[in-house]
PDB file of N, CA and C in Angstrom:
ATOM      1  N   MET A   1      -8.214 -24.611 -66.408  1.00  0.00           N
ATOM      2  CA  MET A   1      -8.864 -24.064 -65.229  1.00  0.00           C
ATOM      3  C   MET A   1      -7.828 -23.772 -64.159  1.00  0.00           C
ATOM      4  N   GLY A   2      -7.306 -24.752 -63.525  1.00  0.00           N
ATOM      5  CA  GLY A   2      -6.412 -24.548 -62.407  1.00  0.00           C
ATOM      6  C   GLY A   2      -4.959 -24.599 -62.814  1.00  0.00           C
ATOM      7  N   GLY A   3      -4.111 -24.236 -61.883  1.00  0.00           N
ATOM      8  CA  GLY A   3      -2.684 -24.241 -62.112  1.00  0.00           C
ATOM      9  C   GLY A   3      -1.996 -25.373 -61.391  1.00  0.00           C
ATOM     10  N   GLY A   4      -2.599 -26.545 -61.323  1.00  0.00           N
ATOM     11  CA  GLY A   4      -1.990 -27.679 -60.637  1.00  0.00           C
ATOM     12  C   GLY A   4      -2.615 -27.899 -59.276  1.00  0.00           C
ATOM     13  N   LYS A   5      -1.762 -28.096 -58.273  1.00  0.00           N
ATOM     14  CA  LYS A   5      -2.239 -28.338 -56.918  1.00  0.00           C
ATOM     15  C   LYS A   5      -2.507 -27.011 -56.198  1.00  0.00           C
ATOM     16  N   LEU A   6      -3.460 -27.037 -55.296  1.00  0.00           N
ATOM     17  CA  LEU A   6      -3.831 -25.840 -54.541  1.00  0.00           C
ATOM     18  C   LEU A   6      -2.896 -25.683 -53.345  1.00  0.00           C
ATOM     19  N   TYR A   7      -2.150 -24.589 -53.316  1.00  0.00           N
ATOM     20  CA  TYR A   7      -1.219 -24.274 -52.227  1.00  0.00           C
ATOM     21  C   TYR A   7      -1.556 -22.906 -51.661  1.00  0.00           C
ATOM     22  N   LYS A   8      -1.101 -22.649 -50.426  1.00  0.00           N
ATOM     23  CA  LYS A   8      -1.140 -21.292 -49.886  1.00  0.00           C
ATOM     24  C   LYS A   8      -0.123 -20.467 -50.660  1.00  0.00           C
ATOM     25  N   SER A   9      -0.440 -19.232 -50.900  1.00  0.00           N
ATOM     26  CA  SER A   9       0.419 -18.357 -51.682  1.00  0.00           C
ATOM     27  C   SER A   9       1.466 -17.681 -50.806  1.00  0.00           C
ATOM     28  N   ARG A  10       2.547 -17.271 -51.441  1.00  0.00           N
ATOM     29  CA  ARG A  10       3.532 -16.427 -50.741  1.00  0.00           C
ATOM     30  C   ARG A  10       3.084 -14.970 -50.766  1.00  0.00           C
ATOM     31  N   ASP A  11       2.156 -14.649 -51.689  1.00  0.00           N
ATOM     32  CA  ASP A  11       1.541 -13.318 -51.743  1.00  0.00           C
ATOM     33  C   ASP A  11       0.392 -13.322 -50.752  1.00  0.00           C
ATOM     34  N   LYS A  12       0.720 -13.103 -49.480  1.00  0.00           N
ATOM     35  CA  LYS A  12      -0.299 -13.267 -48.453  1.00  0.00           C
ATOM     36  C   LYS A  12      -0.515 -12.011 -47.644  1.00  0.00           C
ATOM     37  N   LYS A  13      -1.729 -11.880 -47.159  1.00  0.00           N
ATOM     38  CA  LYS A  13      -2.078 -10.817 -46.224  1.00  0.00           C
ATOM     39  C   LYS A  13      -2.217 -11.405 -44.822  1.00  0.00           C
ATOM     40  N   ILE A  14      -2.882 -12.560 -44.722  1.00  0.00           N
ATOM     41  CA  ILE A  14      -3.029 -13.214 -43.422  1.00  0.00           C
ATOM     42  C   ILE A  14      -2.324 -14.567 -43.450  1.00  0.00           C
ATOM     43  N   CYS A  15      -2.888 -15.540 -44.161  1.00  0.00           N
ATOM     44  CA  CYS A  15      -2.279 -16.877 -44.232  1.00  0.00           C
ATOM     45  C   CYS A  15      -1.996 -17.327 -45.652  1.00  0.00           C
ATOM     46  N   GLY A  16      -2.429 -16.606 -46.651  1.00  0.00           N
ATOM     47  CA  GLY A  16      -2.171 -16.962 -48.034  1.00  0.00           C
ATOM     48  C   GLY A  16      -3.245 -17.801 -48.699  1.00  0.00           C
ATOM     49  N   VAL A  17      -4.385 -17.978 -48.037  1.00  0.00           N
ATOM     50  CA  VAL A  17      -5.455 -18.809 -48.596  1.00  0.00           C
ATOM     51  C   VAL A  17      -6.061 -18.150 -49.832  1.00  0.00           C
ATOM     52  N   CYS A  18      -6.470 -16.914 -49.737  1.00  0.00           N
ATOM     53  CA  CYS A  18      -7.086 -16.227 -50.890  1.00  0.00           C
ATOM     54  C   CYS A  18      -6.085 -16.081 -52.031  1.00  0.00           C
ATOM     55  N   GLY A  19      -4.829 -15.802 -51.708  1.00  0.00           N
ATOM     56  CA  GLY A  19      -3.799 -15.714 -52.741  1.00  0.00           C
ATOM     57  C   GLY A  19      -3.580 -17.044 -53.429  1.00  0.00           C
ATOM     58  N   GLY A  20      -3.623 -18.127 -52.671  1.00  0.00           N
ATOM     59  CA  GLY A  20      -3.471 -19.459 -53.251  1.00  0.00           C
ATOM     60  C   GLY A  20      -4.631 -19.819 -54.153  1.00  0.00           C
ATOM     61  N   ILE A  21      -5.837 -19.477 -53.742  1.00  0.00           N
ATOM     62  CA  ILE A  21      -7.013 -19.723 -54.574  1.00  0.00           C
ATOM     63  C   ILE A  21      -6.915 -18.892 -55.856  1.00  0.00           C
ATOM     64  N   ALA A  22      -6.461 -17.659 -55.739  1.00  0.00           N
ATOM     65  CA  ALA A  22      -6.310 -16.798 -56.917  1.00  0.00           C
ATOM     66  C   ALA A  22      -5.270 -17.365 -57.880  1.00  0.00           C
ATOM     67  N   GLU A  23      -4.156 -17.863 -57.367  1.00  0.00           N
ATOM     68  CA  GLU A  23      -3.145 -18.462 -58.230  1.00  0.00           C
ATOM     69  C   GLU A  23      -3.684 -19.724 -58.906  1.00  0.00           C
ATOM     70  N   PHE A  24      -4.445 -20.520 -58.181  1.00  0.00           N
ATOM     71  CA  PHE A  24      -4.990 -21.762 -58.726  1.00  0.00           C
ATOM     72  C   PHE A  24      -5.932 -21.491 -59.892  1.00  0.00           C
ATOM     73  N   PHE A  25      -6.800 -20.483 -59.737  1.00  0.00           N
ATOM     74  CA  PHE A  25      -7.756 -20.155 -60.778  1.00  0.00           C
ATOM     75  C   PHE A  25      -7.253 -19.054 -61.718  1.00  0.00           C
ATOM     76  N   ARG A  26      -6.016 -18.601 -61.528  1.00  0.00           N
ATOM     77  CA  ARG A  26      -5.381 -17.567 -62.357  1.00  0.00           C
ATOM     78  C   ARG A  26      -6.196 -16.275 -62.375  1.00  0.00           C
ATOM     79  N   LEU A  27      -6.523 -15.811 -61.168  1.00  0.00           N
ATOM     80  CA  LEU A  27      -7.273 -14.568 -60.979  1.00  0.00           C
ATOM     81  C   LEU A  27      -6.425 -13.584 -60.191  1.00  0.00           C
ATOM     82  N   ASP A  28      -6.889 -12.356 -60.117  1.00  0.00           N
ATOM     83  CA  ASP A  28      -6.234 -11.335 -59.315  1.00  0.00           C
ATOM     84  C   ASP A  28      -6.515 -11.609 -57.829  1.00  0.00           C
ATOM     85  N   PRO A  29      -5.489 -11.669 -56.979  1.00  0.00           N
ATOM     86  CA  PRO A  29      -5.712 -11.940 -55.559  1.00  0.00           C
ATOM     87  C   PRO A  29      -6.635 -10.936 -54.874  1.00  0.00           C
ATOM     88  N   THR A  30      -6.578  -9.677 -55.285  1.00  0.00           N
ATOM     89  CA  THR A  30      -7.452  -8.668 -54.688  1.00  0.00           C
ATOM     90  C   THR A  30      -8.919  -8.976 -54.982  1.00  0.00           C
ATOM     91  N   PHE A  31      -9.206  -9.445 -56.182  1.00  0.00           N
ATOM     92  CA  PHE A  31     -10.569  -9.826 -56.555  1.00  0.00           C
ATOM     93  C   PHE A  31     -11.064 -10.971 -55.667  1.00  0.00           C
ATOM     94  N   VAL A  32     -10.231 -11.974 -55.456  1.00  0.00           N
ATOM     95  CA  VAL A  32     -10.619 -13.117 -54.611  1.00  0.00           C
ATOM     96  C   VAL A  32     -10.824 -12.662 -53.173  1.00  0.00           C
ATOM     97  N   ARG A  33      -9.973 -11.788 -52.684  1.00  0.00           N
ATOM     98  CA  ARG A  33     -10.125 -11.278 -51.309  1.00  0.00           C
ATOM     99  C   ARG A  33     -11.423 -10.492 -51.148  1.00  0.00           C
ATOM    100  N   MET A  34     -11.779  -9.703 -52.164  1.00  0.00           N
ATOM    101  CA  MET A  34     -13.024  -8.922 -52.084  1.00  0.00           C
ATOM    102  C   MET A  34     -14.240  -9.854 -52.109  1.00  0.00           C
ATOM    103  N   ILE A  35     -14.217 -10.875 -52.967  1.00  0.00           N
ATOM    104  CA  ILE A  35     -15.311 -11.848 -53.020  1.00  0.00           C
ATOM    105  C   ILE A  35     -15.429 -12.567 -51.677  1.00  0.00           C
ATOM    106  N   TYR A  36     -14.294 -12.969 -51.102  1.00  0.00           N
ATOM    107  CA  TYR A  36     -14.305 -13.631 -49.796  1.00  0.00           C
ATOM    108  C   TYR A  36     -14.912 -12.715 -48.728  1.00  0.00           C
ATOM    109  N   LEU A  37     -14.532 -11.453 -48.732  1.00  0.00           N
ATOM    110  CA  LEU A  37     -15.045 -10.507 -47.744  1.00  0.00           C
ATOM    111  C   LEU A  37     -16.561 -10.342 -47.861  1.00  0.00           C
ATOM    112  N   VAL A  38     -17.049 -10.187 -49.079  1.00  0.00           N
ATOM    113  CA  VAL A  38     -18.491 -10.036 -49.293  1.00  0.00           C
ATOM    114  C   VAL A  38     -19.234 -11.291 -48.836  1.00  0.00           C
ATOM    115  N   LEU A  39     -18.745 -12.471 -49.213  1.00  0.00           N
ATOM    116  CA  LEU A  39     -19.405 -13.717 -48.815  1.00  0.00           C
ATOM    117  C   LEU A  39     -19.359 -13.921 -47.303  1.00  0.00           C
ATOM    118  N   SER A  40     -18.265 -13.501 -46.673  1.00  0.00           N
ATOM    119  CA  SER A  40     -18.164 -13.633 -45.218  1.00  0.00           C
ATOM    120  C   SER A  40     -19.164 -12.746 -44.505  1.00  0.00           C
ATOM    121  N   VAL A  41     -19.347 -11.531 -45.014  1.00  0.00           N
ATOM    122  CA  VAL A  41     -20.298 -10.607 -44.394  1.00  0.00           C
ATOM    123  C   VAL A  41     -21.735 -11.087 -44.614  1.00  0.00           C
ATOM    124  N   VAL A  42     -22.025 -11.583 -45.816  1.00  0.00           N
ATOM    125  CA  VAL A  42     -23.393 -12.001 -46.145  1.00  0.00           C
ATOM    126  C   VAL A  42     -23.758 -13.299 -45.437  1.00  0.00           C
ATOM    127  N   TYR A  43     -22.873 -14.309 -45.492  1.00  0.00           N
ATOM    128  CA  TYR A  43     -23.198 -15.618 -44.949  1.00  0.00           C
ATOM    129  C   TYR A  43     -22.659 -15.854 -43.548  1.00  0.00           C
ATOM    130  N   GLY A  44     -21.615 -15.154 -43.143  1.00  0.00           N
ATOM    131  CA  GLY A  44     -21.140 -15.196 -41.771  1.00  0.00           C
ATOM    132  C   GLY A  44     -20.235 -16.351 -41.394  1.00  0.00           C
ATOM    133  N   SER A  45     -20.099 -17.370 -42.221  1.00  0.00           N
ATOM    134  CA  SER A  45     -19.270 -18.512 -41.842  1.00  0.00           C
ATOM    135  C   SER A  45     -17.889 -18.468 -42.499  1.00  0.00           C
ATOM    136  N   GLY A  46     -17.544 -17.372 -43.120  1.00  0.00           N
ATOM    137  CA  GLY A  46     -16.290 -17.264 -43.849  1.00  0.00           C
ATOM    138  C   GLY A  46     -15.051 -17.369 -42.992  1.00  0.00           C
ATOM    139  N   ILE A  47     -15.100 -16.874 -41.769  1.00  0.00           N
ATOM    140  CA  ILE A  47     -13.929 -16.931 -40.897  1.00  0.00           C
ATOM    141  C   ILE A  47     -13.598 -18.368 -40.550  1.00  0.00           C
ATOM    142  N   LEU A  48     -14.608 -19.157 -40.228  1.00  0.00           N
ATOM    143  CA  LEU A  48     -14.384 -20.563 -39.906  1.00  0.00           C
ATOM    144  C   LEU A  48     -13.839 -21.316 -41.120  1.00  0.00           C
ATOM    145  N   VAL A  49     -14.390 -21.062 -42.293  1.00  0.00           N
ATOM    146  CA  VAL A  49     -13.919 -21.709 -43.519  1.00  0.00           C
ATOM    147  C   VAL A  49     -12.480 -21.303 -43.806  1.00  0.00           C
ATOM    148  N   TYR A  50     -12.134 -20.040 -43.608  1.00  0.00           N
ATOM    149  CA  TYR A  50     -10.771 -19.557 -43.844  1.00  0.00           C
ATOM    150  C   TYR A  50      -9.793 -20.250 -42.899  1.00  0.00           C
ATOM    151  N   ILE A  51     -10.143 -20.375 -41.627  1.00  0.00           N
ATOM    152  CA  ILE A  51      -9.259 -21.028 -40.652  1.00  0.00           C
ATOM    153  C   ILE A  51      -9.047 -22.488 -41.026  1.00  0.00           C
ATOM    154  N   ILE A  52     -10.119 -23.169 -41.407  1.00  0.00           N
ATOM    155  CA  ILE A  52      -9.989 -24.570 -41.816  1.00  0.00           C
ATOM    156  C   ILE A  52      -9.093 -24.692 -43.048  1.00  0.00           C
ATOM    157  N   ALA A  53      -9.290 -23.825 -44.029  1.00  0.00           N
ATOM    158  CA  ALA A  53      -8.465 -23.851 -45.240  1.00  0.00           C
ATOM    159  C   ALA A  53      -7.007 -23.546 -44.920  1.00  0.00           C
ATOM    160  N   ALA A  54      -6.756 -22.619 -44.001  1.00  0.00           N
ATOM    161  CA  ALA A  54      -5.384 -22.272 -43.628  1.00  0.00           C
ATOM    162  C   ALA A  54      -4.677 -23.452 -42.964  1.00  0.00           C
ATOM    163  N   VAL A  55      -5.419 -24.254 -42.231  1.00  0.00           N
ATOM    164  CA  VAL A  55      -4.826 -25.419 -41.565  1.00  0.00           C
ATOM    165  C   VAL A  55      -4.609 -26.557 -42.571  1.00  0.00           C
ATOM    166  N   ILE A  56      -5.564 -26.758 -43.478  1.00  0.00           N
ATOM    167  CA  ILE A  56      -5.517 -27.903 -44.394  1.00  0.00           C
ATOM    168  C   ILE A  56      -4.563 -27.684 -45.565  1.00  0.00           C
ATOM    169  N   MET A  57      -4.537 -26.496 -46.140  1.00  0.00           N
ATOM    170  CA  MET A  57      -3.732 -26.251 -47.340  1.00  0.00           C
ATOM    171  C   MET A  57      -2.248 -26.293 -47.024  1.00  0.00           C
ATOM    172  N   ASP A  58      -1.473 -26.860 -47.958  1.00  0.00           N
ATOM    173  CA  ASP A  58      -0.018 -26.918 -47.827  1.00  0.00           C
ATOM    174  C   ASP A  58       0.601 -25.597 -48.259  1.00  0.00           C
ATOM    175  N   ASN A  59       1.789 -25.314 -47.708  1.00  0.00           N
ATOM    176  CA  ASN A  59       2.548 -24.165 -48.178  1.00  0.00           C
ATOM    177  C   ASN A  59       3.128 -24.485 -49.547  1.00  0.00           C
ATOM    178  N   LYS A  60       3.315 -23.449 -50.359  1.00  0.00           N
ATOM    179  CA  LYS A  60       3.889 -23.636 -51.683  1.00  0.00           C
ATOM    180  C   LYS A  60       5.346 -24.059 -51.521  1.00  0.00           C
ATOM    181  N   PRO A  61       5.783 -25.115 -52.233  1.00  0.00           N
ATOM    182  CA  PRO A  61       7.181 -25.552 -52.087  1.00  0.00           C
ATOM    183  C   PRO A  61       8.153 -24.505 -52.630  1.00  0.00           C
ATOM    184  N   ASP A  62       9.384 -24.560 -52.152  1.00  0.00           N
ATOM    185  CA  ASP A  62      10.405 -23.586 -52.567  1.00  0.00           C
ATOM    186  C   ASP A  62      10.949 -23.866 -53.961  1.00  0.00           C
ATOM    187  N   TYR A  63      10.838 -25.080 -54.427  1.00  0.00           N
ATOM    188  CA  TYR A  63      11.367 -25.448 -55.734  1.00  0.00           C
ATOM    189  C   TYR A  63      10.282 -25.333 -56.807  1.00  0.00           C
ATOM    190  N   ILE A  64      10.725 -25.249 -58.045  1.00  0.00           N
ATOM    191  CA  ILE A  64       9.791 -25.191 -59.179  1.00  0.00           C
ATOM    192  C   ILE A  64       9.806 -26.537 -59.865  1.00  0.00           C
ATOM    193  N   GLU A  65       8.624 -27.119 -60.077  1.00  0.00           N
ATOM    194  CA  GLU A  65       8.546 -28.457 -60.703  1.00  0.00           C
ATOM    195  C   GLU A  65       8.662 -28.373 -62.191  1.00  0.00           C
TER     196      GLU A  65
END
């Protein structure tokens, strides 16, 4: 399922949250961004969730484990 620990991605448009989720689940980042956009428009709380995730998630380390 996942690719280890959930990190913010270096492939980022704003803060790297959607890119990090895409890397974790091994999906296309554009697909995750589109799903996030649709859910944000429909449910309206997506911006708050994105800000919280951007604060909580760690940046991806520079080294490879």
